[in-house]
Amino acid sequence: METHWLSPAERHASFSTPLSPPPGSSAHTLLYFYTGVSEPGPGLPRFVAVGYLDDQLFLQYDRRTGRALPRVPWAEEVSKEDTRYWQWMTQNFRDTERTFGVALVTVPQRHNQSGGFHTFQWRVGCELRSDGSKGGYSKFGYDGRDYISLDMETLTWTAHDPAAQNAKRLWDANAARNRYFKTYLEEVCTMWLRRHLAYGNETLLRAKPPVGKVTRRAGGNGTETLLCRAHGFHPKEIDAVWTRDGEVWAQDTFRGIVAPNADGTYYTWLSVRVDPRDRRRFRCHIEHDGLRHPLDLAWEEPGGERRLLPGGGRGGERSPRKARPAQCACA
């Protein structure tokens, strides 16, 4: 499955954009995402690195600061246990920045390209799945496309681009480094994942109920659209459906993505096209970990915003749902 590689402009313009974990039932992930560009410009540094715990940005490095810096308060606590942590991370990112500089020369040459704007990206991290198993992944991208990735089962590299065949031969031949990658991703990385969860669980594991509201707008051919918005909730997982007369209704329905707010909560929406005469038969049914009981929202006159009634939430108590990054030898 092809990775969605964010463009350098997307990555630099909005560091709050979450990076979705690889497909699967991952409970928690620790992910580092690196981006290098051949032609930096105003607002676009030559190299940027960010770290995510689940989908929360917790550290950032770029060439302007020359340092790895915490982006959330809990990340500052890590240095209390390991006073050299931020120095250690900074040196790792500086080393990777140098190898990206080499890669942005050699990889275009393998594509018979000279000059122009190019990107090189690396996505590396680990996961602790809901069934207790562990996993890791390491994938490189070039100019927005998959380039080469590590197969964790065979410990060989898969070239997704014909120009990556040379790198595959070199990297496959280095069995010791590939074994190191597996050990790092499944042992060292997951150890840091657990440590970070211990610091960040107050925000990552909190349960905040959604606020919901149903609005309507006129449509064509005598129809109208009911729009249900849910916002301000955490964690990200939410179940929201339209019902008619208490039964799930999927006809003429549309659904938005679950997207982050700046405060670490999320929002989403779903709509349904209805006959105005049937409007009051429809409800927006919402289930979430922050709710003791589901919400069933109908259209109301303006000002009818709904939040869970007092006593309906579980506060911050809920059961969880479902170190240093490896260095890149990219050239």
C-alpha atoms as a PDB file:
ATOM      1  CA  MET A   1       0.000   0.000   0.000  1.00  0.00           C
ATOM      2  CA  GLU A   2       1.393   3.362  -0.971  1.00  0.00           C
ATOM      3  CA  THR A   3       2.181   5.883   1.744  1.00  0.00           C
ATOM      4  CA  HIS A   4       0.705   9.386   1.529  1.00  0.00           C
ATOM      5  CA  TRP A   5       3.860  11.476   1.541  1.00  0.00           C
ATOM      6  CA  LEU A   6       3.090  15.027   2.652  1.00  0.00           C
ATOM      7  CA  SER A   7       4.595  17.750   0.526  1.00  0.00           C
ATOM      8  CA  PRO A   8       7.327  19.893   2.132  1.00  0.00           C
ATOM      9  CA  ALA A   9       4.931  22.843   2.123  1.00  0.00           C
ATOM     10  CA  GLU A  10       2.253  20.783   3.905  1.00  0.00           C
ATOM     11  CA  ARG A  11       4.728  19.396   6.406  1.00  0.00           C
ATOM     12  CA  HIS A  12       6.279  22.771   7.237  1.00  0.00           C
ATOM     13  CA  ALA A  13       3.101  24.815   7.147  1.00  0.00           C
ATOM     14  CA  SER A  14       1.175  22.662   9.612  1.00  0.00           C
ATOM     15  CA  PHE A  15       3.167  20.602  12.079  1.00  0.00           C
ATOM     16  CA  SER A  16      -0.114  19.827  13.853  1.00  0.00           C
ATOM     17  CA  THR A  17      -1.210  17.643  10.932  1.00  0.00           C
ATOM     18  CA  PRO A  18      -1.346  14.089  12.275  1.00  0.00           C
ATOM     19  CA  LEU A  19       0.492  11.260  10.618  1.00  0.00           C
ATOM     20  CA  SER A  20      -1.732   8.223  10.473  1.00  0.00           C
ATOM     21  CA  PRO A  21      -0.140   4.960  11.606  1.00  0.00           C
ATOM     22  CA  PRO A  22       0.268   2.155   9.091  1.00  0.00           C
ATOM     23  CA  PRO A  23      -2.805   0.041   8.379  1.00  0.00           C
ATOM     24  CA  GLY A  24      -3.682  -2.334  11.203  1.00  0.00           C
ATOM     25  CA  SER A  25      -5.129  -2.319  14.675  1.00  0.00           C
ATOM     26  CA  SER A  26      -2.341  -0.324  16.271  1.00  0.00           C
ATOM     27  CA  ALA A  27      -3.003   0.820  19.825  1.00  0.00           C
ATOM     28  CA  HIS A  28      -0.045   3.219  20.147  1.00  0.00           C
ATOM     29  CA  THR A  29       2.658   4.432  17.770  1.00  0.00           C
ATOM     30  CA  LEU A  30       5.925   6.345  17.980  1.00  0.00           C
ATOM     31  CA  LEU A  31       6.734   7.862  14.606  1.00  0.00           C
ATOM     32  CA  TYR A  32       9.518  10.069  13.246  1.00  0.00           C
ATOM     33  CA  PHE A  33       9.098  11.804   9.911  1.00  0.00           C
ATOM     34  CA  TYR A  34      12.001  13.475   8.113  1.00  0.00           C
ATOM     35  CA  THR A  35      11.842  15.742   5.079  1.00  0.00           C
ATOM     36  CA  GLY A  36      14.748  17.152   3.066  1.00  0.00           C
ATOM     37  CA  VAL A  37      14.478  19.441   0.045  1.00  0.00           C
ATOM     38  CA  SER A  38      17.041  20.255  -2.628  1.00  0.00           C
ATOM     39  CA  GLU A  39      16.053  23.905  -2.933  1.00  0.00           C
ATOM     40  CA  PRO A  40      15.051  25.526   0.364  1.00  0.00           C
ATOM     41  CA  GLY A  41      13.233  28.833   0.382  1.00  0.00           C
ATOM     42  CA  PRO A  42      11.518  31.332   2.686  1.00  0.00           C
ATOM     43  CA  GLY A  43       9.553  29.358   5.238  1.00  0.00           C
ATOM     44  CA  LEU A  44      10.853  26.062   3.856  1.00  0.00           C
ATOM     45  CA  PRO A  45      14.079  24.852   5.506  1.00  0.00           C
ATOM     46  CA  ARG A  46      16.387  22.374   3.831  1.00  0.00           C
ATOM     47  CA  PHE A  47      15.670  19.747   6.487  1.00  0.00           C
ATOM     48  CA  VAL A  48      12.880  19.184   9.010  1.00  0.00           C
ATOM     49  CA  ALA A  49      12.291  16.337  11.467  1.00  0.00           C
ATOM     50  CA  VAL A  50       9.262  15.801  13.675  1.00  0.00           C
ATOM     51  CA  GLY A  51       8.253  13.151  16.193  1.00  0.00           C
ATOM     52  CA  TYR A  52       4.719  11.954  16.912  1.00  0.00           C
ATOM     53  CA  LEU A  53       3.397   9.894  19.801  1.00  0.00           C
ATOM     54  CA  ASP A  54       0.199   8.445  18.389  1.00  0.00           C
ATOM     55  CA  ASP A  55      -0.987  11.486  16.430  1.00  0.00           C
ATOM     56  CA  GLN A  56       0.361  14.120  18.822  1.00  0.00           C
ATOM     57  CA  LEU A  57       3.401  16.141  17.754  1.00  0.00           C
ATOM     58  CA  PHE A  58       5.850  16.079  20.664  1.00  0.00           C
ATOM     59  CA  LEU A  59       9.187  17.187  19.193  1.00  0.00           C
ATOM     60  CA  GLN A  60      10.518  19.127  16.248  1.00  0.00           C
ATOM     61  CA  TYR A  61      13.914  19.823  14.709  1.00  0.00           C
ATOM     62  CA  ASP A  62      14.840  22.023  11.800  1.00  0.00           C
ATOM     63  CA  ARG A  63      17.866  23.772  10.461  1.00  0.00           C
ATOM     64  CA  ARG A  64      16.858  27.206  11.724  1.00  0.00           C
ATOM     65  CA  THR A  65      17.141  26.203  15.374  1.00  0.00           C
ATOM     66  CA  GLY A  66      19.727  23.446  14.983  1.00  0.00           C
ATOM     67  CA  ARG A  67      18.127  21.726  17.972  1.00  0.00           C
ATOM     68  CA  ALA A  68      15.498  19.173  18.854  1.00  0.00           C
ATOM     69  CA  LEU A  69      12.817  20.925  20.904  1.00  0.00           C
ATOM     70  CA  PRO A  70       9.744  19.710  22.819  1.00  0.00           C
ATOM     71  CA  ARG A  71       6.398  20.762  21.375  1.00  0.00           C
ATOM     72  CA  VAL A  72       4.150  19.703  24.267  1.00  0.00           C
ATOM     73  CA  PRO A  73       4.674  20.221  28.019  1.00  0.00           C
ATOM     74  CA  TRP A  74       4.920  16.530  28.886  1.00  0.00           C
ATOM     75  CA  ALA A  75       7.853  16.047  26.490  1.00  0.00           C
ATOM     76  CA  GLU A  76       9.951  18.361  28.667  1.00  0.00           C
ATOM     77  CA  GLU A  77       9.634  15.832  31.490  1.00  0.00           C
ATOM     78  CA  VAL A  78      11.666  13.235  29.565  1.00  0.00           C
ATOM     79  CA  SER A  79      14.908  15.052  30.387  1.00  0.00           C
ATOM     80  CA  LYS A  80      14.297  14.553  34.100  1.00  0.00           C
ATOM     81  CA  GLU A  81      14.953  10.860  33.648  1.00  0.00           C
ATOM     82  CA  ASP A  82      17.658  11.268  31.018  1.00  0.00           C
ATOM     83  CA  THR A  83      19.392  14.652  31.198  1.00  0.00           C
ATOM     84  CA  ARG A  84      21.117  14.087  27.860  1.00  0.00           C
ATOM     85  CA  TYR A  85      17.942  13.164  25.984  1.00  0.00           C
ATOM     86  CA  TRP A  86      17.514  16.405  23.995  1.00  0.00           C
ATOM     87  CA  GLN A  87      21.229  16.656  23.255  1.00  0.00           C
ATOM     88  CA  TRP A  88      21.133  13.060  22.073  1.00  0.00           C
ATOM     89  CA  MET A  89      18.126  13.659  19.835  1.00  0.00           C
ATOM     90  CA  THR A  90      19.668  16.826  18.411  1.00  0.00           C
ATOM     91  CA  GLN A  91      22.856  15.003  17.419  1.00  0.00           C
ATOM     92  CA  ASN A  92      20.859  12.222  15.783  1.00  0.00           C
ATOM     93  CA  PHE A  93      18.858  14.699  13.695  1.00  0.00           C
ATOM     94  CA  ARG A  94      22.017  16.552  12.673  1.00  0.00           C
ATOM     95  CA  ASP A  95      23.573  13.286  11.502  1.00  0.00           C
ATOM     96  CA  THR A  96      20.448  12.424   9.518  1.00  0.00           C
ATOM     97  CA  GLU A  97      20.408  15.903   7.996  1.00  0.00           C
ATOM     98  CA  ARG A  98      23.897  15.291   6.603  1.00  0.00           C
ATOM     99  CA  THR A  99      22.920  11.956   5.050  1.00  0.00           C
ATOM    100  CA  PHE A 100      19.825  13.582   3.516  1.00  0.00           C
ATOM    101  CA  GLY A 101      22.122  16.132   1.894  1.00  0.00           C
ATOM    102  CA  VAL A 102      24.011  13.291   0.232  1.00  0.00           C
ATOM    103  CA  ALA A 103      20.800  11.501  -0.759  1.00  0.00           C
ATOM    104  CA  LEU A 104      19.454  14.619  -2.469  1.00  0.00           C
ATOM    105  CA  VAL A 105      22.510  14.501  -4.735  1.00  0.00           C
ATOM    106  CA  THR A 106      22.745  10.775  -5.430  1.00  0.00           C
ATOM    107  CA  VAL A 107      19.052   9.921  -5.815  1.00  0.00           C
ATOM    108  CA  PRO A 108      18.368  12.545  -8.526  1.00  0.00           C
ATOM    109  CA  GLN A 109      21.480  11.291 -10.336  1.00  0.00           C
ATOM    110  CA  ARG A 110      20.021   7.768 -10.351  1.00  0.00           C
ATOM    111  CA  HIS A 111      16.936   9.269 -11.994  1.00  0.00           C
ATOM    112  CA  ASN A 112      19.135  11.074 -14.563  1.00  0.00           C
ATOM    113  CA  GLN A 113      17.970  14.391 -13.157  1.00  0.00           C
ATOM    114  CA  SER A 114      20.110  17.478 -12.840  1.00  0.00           C
ATOM    115  CA  GLY A 115      18.926  20.436 -10.814  1.00  0.00           C
ATOM    116  CA  GLY A 116      15.334  21.247  -9.992  1.00  0.00           C
ATOM    117  CA  PHE A 117      13.292  20.908  -6.846  1.00  0.00           C
ATOM    118  CA  HIS A 118      13.313  17.464  -5.213  1.00  0.00           C
ATOM    119  CA  THR A 119      12.257  15.981  -1.880  1.00  0.00           C
ATOM    120  CA  PHE A 120      13.574  13.031   0.091  1.00  0.00           C
ATOM    121  CA  GLN A 121      11.586  11.725   3.049  1.00  0.00           C
ATOM    122  CA  TRP A 122      11.873   9.023   5.662  1.00  0.00           C
ATOM    123  CA  ARG A 123       9.136   7.598   7.837  1.00  0.00           C
ATOM    124  CA  VAL A 124      10.338   5.360  10.662  1.00  0.00           C
ATOM    125  CA  GLY A 125       8.680   4.171  13.836  1.00  0.00           C
ATOM    126  CA  CYS A 126       7.136   1.427  15.908  1.00  0.00           C
ATOM    127  CA  GLU A 127       3.791   0.316  17.237  1.00  0.00           C
ATOM    128  CA  LEU A 128       2.348  -1.540  20.202  1.00  0.00           C
ATOM    129  CA  ARG A 129      -0.792  -3.234  18.933  1.00  0.00           C
ATOM    130  CA  SER A 130      -3.954  -3.824  20.888  1.00  0.00           C
ATOM    131  CA  ASP A 131      -3.244  -7.578  20.962  1.00  0.00           C
ATOM    132  CA  GLY A 132       0.105  -6.990  22.693  1.00  0.00           C
ATOM    133  CA  SER A 133       2.278  -7.624  19.640  1.00  0.00           C
ATOM    134  CA  LYS A 134       4.944  -5.219  18.412  1.00  0.00           C
ATOM    135  CA  GLY A 135       5.878  -3.959  14.975  1.00  0.00           C
ATOM    136  CA  GLY A 136       8.078  -1.496  13.160  1.00  0.00           C
ATOM    137  CA  TYR A 137       8.366   0.150   9.769  1.00  0.00           C
ATOM    138  CA  SER A 138      10.953   2.118   7.830  1.00  0.00           C
ATOM    139  CA  LYS A 139      10.056   3.621   4.465  1.00  0.00           C
ATOM    140  CA  PHE A 140      11.678   6.224   2.241  1.00  0.00           C
ATOM    141  CA  GLY A 141      10.004   8.453  -0.308  1.00  0.00           C
ATOM    142  CA  TYR A 142      11.342  10.523  -3.183  1.00  0.00           C
ATOM    143  CA  ASP A 143       9.438  13.356  -4.874  1.00  0.00           C
ATOM    144  CA  GLY A 144       6.183  12.295  -3.255  1.00  0.00           C
ATOM    145  CA  ARG A 145       6.377   8.602  -4.194  1.00  0.00           C
ATOM    146  CA  ASP A 146       7.456   5.465  -2.358  1.00  0.00           C
ATOM    147  CA  TYR A 147      11.167   4.826  -2.933  1.00  0.00           C
ATOM    148  CA  ILE A 148      12.344   1.894  -0.772  1.00  0.00           C
ATOM    149  CA  SER A 149      11.106   0.196   2.399  1.00  0.00           C
ATOM    150  CA  LEU A 150      12.222  -2.455   4.874  1.00  0.00           C
ATOM    151  CA  ASP A 151      10.409  -5.801   5.027  1.00  0.00           C
ATOM    152  CA  MET A 152      10.480  -6.615   8.737  1.00  0.00           C
ATOM    153  CA  GLU A 153       9.822 -10.319   8.136  1.00  0.00           C
ATOM    154  CA  THR A 154      12.606 -11.038   5.634  1.00  0.00           C
ATOM    155  CA  LEU A 155      14.908  -8.174   6.729  1.00  0.00           C
ATOM    156  CA  THR A 156      15.368  -7.209   3.089  1.00  0.00           C
ATOM    157  CA  TRP A 157      14.534  -3.980   1.309  1.00  0.00           C
ATOM    158  CA  THR A 158      11.769  -3.562  -1.265  1.00  0.00           C
ATOM    159  CA  ALA A 159      12.509  -1.141  -4.111  1.00  0.00           C
ATOM    160  CA  HIS A 160       9.347   0.695  -5.126  1.00  0.00           C
ATOM    161  CA  ASP A 161      11.239   2.716  -7.735  1.00  0.00           C
ATOM    162  CA  PRO A 162      13.559   1.249 -10.397  1.00  0.00           C
ATOM    163  CA  ALA A 163      16.189   3.789  -9.369  1.00  0.00           C
ATOM    164  CA  ALA A 164      16.218   2.295  -5.862  1.00  0.00           C
ATOM    165  CA  GLN A 165      17.545  -1.083  -7.055  1.00  0.00           C
ATOM    166  CA  ASN A 166      21.144  -0.058  -6.406  1.00  0.00           C
ATOM    167  CA  ALA A 167      20.303   0.968  -2.833  1.00  0.00           C
ATOM    168  CA  LYS A 168      18.450  -2.334  -2.361  1.00  0.00           C
ATOM    169  CA  ARG A 169      21.500  -4.369  -3.390  1.00  0.00           C
ATOM    170  CA  LEU A 170      23.765  -2.420  -1.054  1.00  0.00           C
ATOM    171  CA  TRP A 171      21.375  -2.459   1.898  1.00  0.00           C
ATOM    172  CA  ASP A 172      20.387  -6.118   1.513  1.00  0.00           C
ATOM    173  CA  ALA A 173      24.067  -7.030   1.629  1.00  0.00           C
ATOM    174  CA  ASN A 174      24.441  -5.339   5.026  1.00  0.00           C
ATOM    175  CA  ALA A 175      22.677  -8.010   7.095  1.00  0.00           C
ATOM    176  CA  ALA A 176      24.089  -6.693  10.376  1.00  0.00           C
ATOM    177  CA  ARG A 177      22.560  -3.257   9.833  1.00  0.00           C
ATOM    178  CA  ASN A 178      19.202  -4.773   8.919  1.00  0.00           C
ATOM    179  CA  ARG A 179      19.218  -6.855  12.110  1.00  0.00           C
ATOM    180  CA  TYR A 180      20.003  -3.665  14.023  1.00  0.00           C
ATOM    181  CA  PHE A 181      16.998  -1.992  12.415  1.00  0.00           C
ATOM    182  CA  LYS A 182      14.734  -4.831  13.548  1.00  0.00           C
ATOM    183  CA  THR A 183      16.122  -4.712  17.094  1.00  0.00           C
ATOM    184  CA  TYR A 184      15.821  -0.950  17.215  1.00  0.00           C
ATOM    185  CA  LEU A 185      12.279  -0.846  15.866  1.00  0.00           C
ATOM    186  CA  GLU A 186      10.873  -3.724  17.913  1.00  0.00           C
ATOM    187  CA  GLU A 187      12.828  -3.247  21.155  1.00  0.00           C
ATOM    188  CA  VAL A 188      14.473   0.167  21.582  1.00  0.00           C
ATOM    189  CA  CYS A 189      11.747   2.166  19.847  1.00  0.00           C
ATOM    190  CA  THR A 190       8.950   0.392  21.722  1.00  0.00           C
ATOM    191  CA  MET A 191      10.824   0.971  24.996  1.00  0.00           C
ATOM    192  CA  TRP A 192      10.788   4.721  24.263  1.00  0.00           C
ATOM    193  CA  LEU A 193       7.171   4.471  23.185  1.00  0.00           C
ATOM    194  CA  ARG A 194       6.251   3.097  26.617  1.00  0.00           C
ATOM    195  CA  ARG A 195       8.299   5.770  28.373  1.00  0.00           C
ATOM    196  CA  HIS A 196       6.687   8.568  26.381  1.00  0.00           C
ATOM    197  CA  LEU A 197       3.246   7.136  27.065  1.00  0.00           C
ATOM    198  CA  ALA A 198       4.023   7.248  30.770  1.00  0.00           C
ATOM    199  CA  TYR A 199       4.724  10.987  30.490  1.00  0.00           C
ATOM    200  CA  GLY A 200       1.985  11.832  28.017  1.00  0.00           C
ATOM    201  CA  ASN A 201      -0.857   9.641  29.235  1.00  0.00           C
ATOM    202  CA  GLU A 202      -2.593  12.516  31.018  1.00  0.00           C
ATOM    203  CA  THR A 203      -3.371  14.098  27.658  1.00  0.00           C
ATOM    204  CA  LEU A 204      -3.213  11.063  25.371  1.00  0.00           C
ATOM    205  CA  LEU A 205      -5.478   8.863  27.473  1.00  0.00           C
ATOM    206  CA  ARG A 206      -7.938  11.496  28.645  1.00  0.00           C
ATOM    207  CA  ALA A 207     -11.552  11.193  27.598  1.00  0.00           C
ATOM    208  CA  LYS A 208     -13.366  14.384  26.619  1.00  0.00           C
ATOM    209  CA  PRO A 209     -16.934  14.108  25.330  1.00  0.00           C
ATOM    210  CA  PRO A 210     -17.978  15.611  22.008  1.00  0.00           C
ATOM    211  CA  VAL A 211     -20.166  18.657  21.549  1.00  0.00           C
ATOM    212  CA  GLY A 212     -22.757  18.044  18.845  1.00  0.00           C
ATOM    213  CA  LYS A 213     -25.080  20.142  16.729  1.00  0.00           C
ATOM    214  CA  VAL A 214     -27.377  19.455  13.777  1.00  0.00           C
ATOM    215  CA  THR A 215     -28.050  22.172  11.194  1.00  0.00           C
ATOM    216  CA  ARG A 216     -29.897  22.113   7.889  1.00  0.00           C
ATOM    217  CA  ARG A 217     -29.759  23.759   4.498  1.00  0.00           C
ATOM    218  CA  ALA A 218     -32.061  23.693   1.526  1.00  0.00           C
ATOM    219  CA  GLY A 219     -31.189  21.469  -1.412  1.00  0.00           C
ATOM    220  CA  GLY A 220     -32.492  20.903  -4.907  1.00  0.00           C
ATOM    221  CA  ASN A 221     -35.543  19.000  -6.102  1.00  0.00           C
ATOM    222  CA  GLY A 222     -37.435  19.632  -2.900  1.00  0.00           C
ATOM    223  CA  THR A 223     -34.809  18.096  -0.610  1.00  0.00           C
ATOM    224  CA  GLU A 224     -32.655  19.459   2.180  1.00  0.00           C
ATOM    225  CA  THR A 225     -29.427  18.416   3.870  1.00  0.00           C
ATOM    226  CA  LEU A 226     -29.019  17.800   7.579  1.00  0.00           C
ATOM    227  CA  LEU A 227     -25.448  18.358   8.793  1.00  0.00           C
ATOM    228  CA  CYS A 228     -24.235  16.924  12.101  1.00  0.00           C
ATOM    229  CA  ARG A 229     -21.039  18.365  13.575  1.00  0.00           C
ATOM    230  CA  ALA A 230     -19.183  16.825  16.513  1.00  0.00           C
ATOM    231  CA  HIS A 231     -16.193  18.649  17.967  1.00  0.00           C
ATOM    232  CA  GLY A 232     -13.983  19.029  21.020  1.00  0.00           C
ATOM    233  CA  PHE A 233     -13.647  15.295  21.676  1.00  0.00           C
ATOM    234  CA  HIS A 234     -10.727  13.075  22.687  1.00  0.00           C
ATOM    235  CA  PRO A 235      -9.636  10.362  21.978  1.00  0.00           C
ATOM    236  CA  LYS A 236      -9.889  10.377  18.206  1.00  0.00           C
ATOM    237  CA  GLU A 237     -12.059   7.270  17.848  1.00  0.00           C
ATOM    238  CA  ILE A 238     -15.727   8.137  17.487  1.00  0.00           C
ATOM    239  CA  ASP A 239     -18.776   6.343  16.072  1.00  0.00           C
ATOM    240  CA  ALA A 240     -21.330   8.619  14.429  1.00  0.00           C
ATOM    241  CA  VAL A 241     -24.213   7.535  12.169  1.00  0.00           C
ATOM    242  CA  TRP A 242     -27.555   8.808  10.970  1.00  0.00           C
ATOM    243  CA  THR A 243     -30.666   6.961  12.095  1.00  0.00           C
ATOM    244  CA  ARG A 244     -34.248   7.189  10.844  1.00  0.00           C
ATOM    245  CA  ASP A 245     -36.922   6.062  13.260  1.00  0.00           C
ATOM    246  CA  GLY A 246     -34.154   4.520  15.367  1.00  0.00           C
ATOM    247  CA  GLU A 247     -32.624   2.431  12.548  1.00  0.00           C
ATOM    248  CA  VAL A 248     -29.220   3.142  10.983  1.00  0.00           C
ATOM    249  CA  TRP A 249     -29.712   5.049   7.721  1.00  0.00           C
ATOM    250  CA  ALA A 250     -26.943   5.004   5.075  1.00  0.00           C
ATOM    251  CA  GLN A 251     -28.798   6.282   2.004  1.00  0.00           C
ATOM    252  CA  ASP A 252     -27.640   9.694   0.681  1.00  0.00           C
ATOM    253  CA  THR A 253     -25.195  10.098   3.581  1.00  0.00           C
ATOM    254  CA  PHE A 254     -21.711  11.642   3.480  1.00  0.00           C
ATOM    255  CA  ARG A 255     -18.975  11.661   6.091  1.00  0.00           C
ATOM    256  CA  GLY A 256     -15.989  13.908   6.765  1.00  0.00           C
ATOM    257  CA  ILE A 257     -12.640  12.821   8.161  1.00  0.00           C
ATOM    258  CA  VAL A 258     -11.805  13.036  11.861  1.00  0.00           C
ATOM    259  CA  ALA A 259      -9.440  16.032  12.017  1.00  0.00           C
ATOM    260  CA  PRO A 260      -7.417  17.620  14.838  1.00  0.00           C
ATOM    261  CA  ASN A 261      -8.036  20.911  16.613  1.00  0.00           C
ATOM    262  CA  ALA A 262      -5.175  23.068  17.846  1.00  0.00           C
ATOM    263  CA  ASP A 263      -5.921  22.109  21.470  1.00  0.00           C
ATOM    264  CA  GLY A 264      -5.393  18.376  20.846  1.00  0.00           C
ATOM    265  CA  THR A 265      -9.076  17.509  20.510  1.00  0.00           C
ATOM    266  CA  TYR A 266     -10.852  16.447  17.291  1.00  0.00           C
ATOM    267  CA  TYR A 267     -13.833  17.293  15.132  1.00  0.00           C
ATOM    268  CA  THR A 268     -15.798  15.566  12.404  1.00  0.00           C
ATOM    269  CA  TRP A 269     -19.085  15.849  10.515  1.00  0.00           C
ATOM    270  CA  LEU A 270     -21.648  13.758   8.668  1.00  0.00           C
ATOM    271  CA  SER A 271     -24.592  14.762   6.495  1.00  0.00           C
ATOM    272  CA  VAL A 272     -27.731  13.215   5.052  1.00  0.00           C
ATOM    273  CA  ARG A 273     -30.061  14.366   2.283  1.00  0.00           C
ATOM    274  CA  VAL A 274     -33.702  14.096   3.327  1.00  0.00           C
ATOM    275  CA  ASP A 275     -37.249  15.015   2.381  1.00  0.00           C
ATOM    276  CA  PRO A 276     -38.120  18.038   4.581  1.00  0.00           C
ATOM    277  CA  ARG A 277     -41.325  16.300   5.609  1.00  0.00           C
ATOM    278  CA  ASP A 278     -39.211  13.495   7.160  1.00  0.00           C
ATOM    279  CA  ARG A 279     -36.738  15.800   8.897  1.00  0.00           C
ATOM    280  CA  ARG A 280     -37.814  14.977  12.438  1.00  0.00           C
ATOM    281  CA  ARG A 281     -37.505  11.242  11.839  1.00  0.00           C
ATOM    282  CA  PHE A 282     -33.705  11.605  11.640  1.00  0.00           C
ATOM    283  CA  ARG A 283     -31.189  11.608  14.482  1.00  0.00           C
ATOM    284  CA  CYS A 284     -27.418  11.931  14.557  1.00  0.00           C
ATOM    285  CA  HIS A 285     -26.306   9.050  16.800  1.00  0.00           C
ATOM    286  CA  ILE A 286     -22.876   9.542  18.442  1.00  0.00           C
ATOM    287  CA  GLU A 287     -20.914   7.110  20.602  1.00  0.00           C
ATOM    288  CA  HIS A 288     -17.567   8.017  22.187  1.00  0.00           C
ATOM    289  CA  ASP A 289     -15.384   6.989  25.141  1.00  0.00           C
ATOM    290  CA  GLY A 290     -16.093  10.346  26.805  1.00  0.00           C
ATOM    291  CA  LEU A 291     -19.832   9.620  26.862  1.00  0.00           C
ATOM    292  CA  ARG A 292     -21.543   7.483  29.451  1.00  0.00           C
ATOM    293  CA  HIS A 293     -24.528   7.218  27.115  1.00  0.00           C
ATOM    294  CA  PRO A 294     -24.757   7.864  23.350  1.00  0.00           C
ATOM    295  CA  LEU A 295     -25.987  11.189  22.020  1.00  0.00           C
ATOM    296  CA  ASP A 296     -28.998  11.262  19.708  1.00  0.00           C
ATOM    297  CA  LEU A 297     -29.248  14.719  18.165  1.00  0.00           C
ATOM    298  CA  ALA A 298     -32.138  16.081  16.086  1.00  0.00           C
ATOM    299  CA  TRP A 299     -32.373  19.351  14.224  1.00  0.00           C
ATOM    300  CA  GLU A 300     -33.374  22.200  16.499  1.00  0.00           C
ATOM    301  CA  GLU A 301     -34.000  25.864  15.981  1.00  0.00           C
ATOM    302  CA  PRO A 302     -30.772  27.960  15.905  1.00  0.00           C
ATOM    303  CA  GLY A 303     -28.933  27.858  19.215  1.00  0.00           C
ATOM    304  CA  GLY A 304     -29.650  24.202  19.839  1.00  0.00           C
ATOM    305  CA  GLU A 305     -26.080  23.089  20.543  1.00  0.00           C
ATOM    306  CA  ARG A 306     -25.901  19.971  22.694  1.00  0.00           C
ATOM    307  CA  ARG A 307     -23.270  18.726  25.137  1.00  0.00           C
ATOM    308  CA  LEU A 308     -23.454  15.667  27.340  1.00  0.00           C
ATOM    309  CA  LEU A 309     -25.589  16.386  30.386  1.00  0.00           C
ATOM    310  CA  PRO A 310     -23.842  16.643  33.795  1.00  0.00           C
ATOM    311  CA  GLY A 311     -22.888  13.235  35.158  1.00  0.00           C
ATOM    312  CA  GLY A 312     -22.769  11.653  31.719  1.00  0.00           C
ATOM    313  CA  GLY A 313     -19.009  11.714  31.192  1.00  0.00           C
ATOM    314  CA  ARG A 314     -16.291   9.463  32.531  1.00  0.00           C
ATOM    315  CA  GLY A 315     -13.827  12.287  33.012  1.00  0.00           C
ATOM    316  CA  GLY A 316     -10.233  11.396  32.344  1.00  0.00           C
ATOM    317  CA  GLU A 317     -10.629   7.720  33.251  1.00  0.00           C
ATOM    318  CA  ARG A 318     -10.648   5.193  30.477  1.00  0.00           C
ATOM    319  CA  SER A 319      -8.859   2.071  29.385  1.00  0.00           C
ATOM    320  CA  PRO A 320      -6.452   2.554  26.495  1.00  0.00           C
ATOM    321  CA  ARG A 321      -7.694   1.662  23.035  1.00  0.00           C
ATOM    322  CA  LYS A 322      -6.965  -0.221  20.653  1.00  0.00           C
ATOM    323  CA  ALA A 323      14.416   6.603  22.070  1.00  0.00           C
ATOM    324  CA  ARG A 324      16.178   7.762  19.878  1.00  0.00           C
ATOM    325  CA  PRO A 325      15.340   7.279  16.235  1.00  0.00           C
ATOM    326  CA  ALA A 326      17.409   5.016  14.037  1.00  0.00           C
ATOM    327  CA  GLN A 327      19.942   6.874  11.935  1.00  0.00           C
ATOM    328  CA  CYS A 328      19.577   7.002   8.184  1.00  0.00           C
ATOM    329  CA  ALA A 329      22.219   5.664   5.800  1.00  0.00           C
ATOM    330  CA  CYS A 330      20.302   6.915   2.810  1.00  0.00           C
ATOM    331  CA  ALA A 331      22.806   7.510   0.063  1.00  0.00           C
END
